[in-house]
Amino acid sequence: MTKNGIVLSIIAVILAAVYVVYFTDWFRKDGIQIIPTVRPGSASVIPRDPDDVPVHRVSFALDGKYKLTSVKVLVASELATNKYATPLWHLISDSNSVPTKSITYGTPITGMKPALPRARPEPLLANVEYTLMLEAGKTRSQTNFHTTPAVVLRKDQRSP
């Protein structure tokens, strides 16, 4: 083979490798697909501050069963301006979490514990954008979600 043929062969192999890496899914890691769902029919999350509006529960469906190693919920605007934003809810797994296909904000997950001992999830506020960040081993994924205000009737507004 001539010198020109060797150079063209090397260029063809490099172009083929670049194409495979950037334009195919062969080397791409799959992330966790997260589907947030606001549950209007379920019990509402009552805020700690009486001036805040209660919101409906938020649940997250995953595309498969995952052994989660970290779950974080942060305020999206705070995360955009601060790389180390304080999470409202942060769970970690030290050893072995149970494979799970769905989670609900604030509900304990079997095999996971709060990152800070005795920490409780902060109540969500209505019409605020939040970010959920999940880790399952080396796989990481995140999604944004909004909450909606719940209509709570006072005792004097309920029918007898």
Foldseek 3Di string as FASTA:
>chain_A
DDPVVVVVVVVVVVVVVVCCVPPHCPPPDDAKDKDKDFDQVDDWDDAPDPVFFIWGKIKIFTPFWFFWAKKFKFFVVQCVVDVPGDTLFIKGADPTFGTDGMDIPQDDGGRIDGPDPPDGGHGDGAQTKMKMWIDGPPHIDMDIDGIHGHDDDDPVRDDD
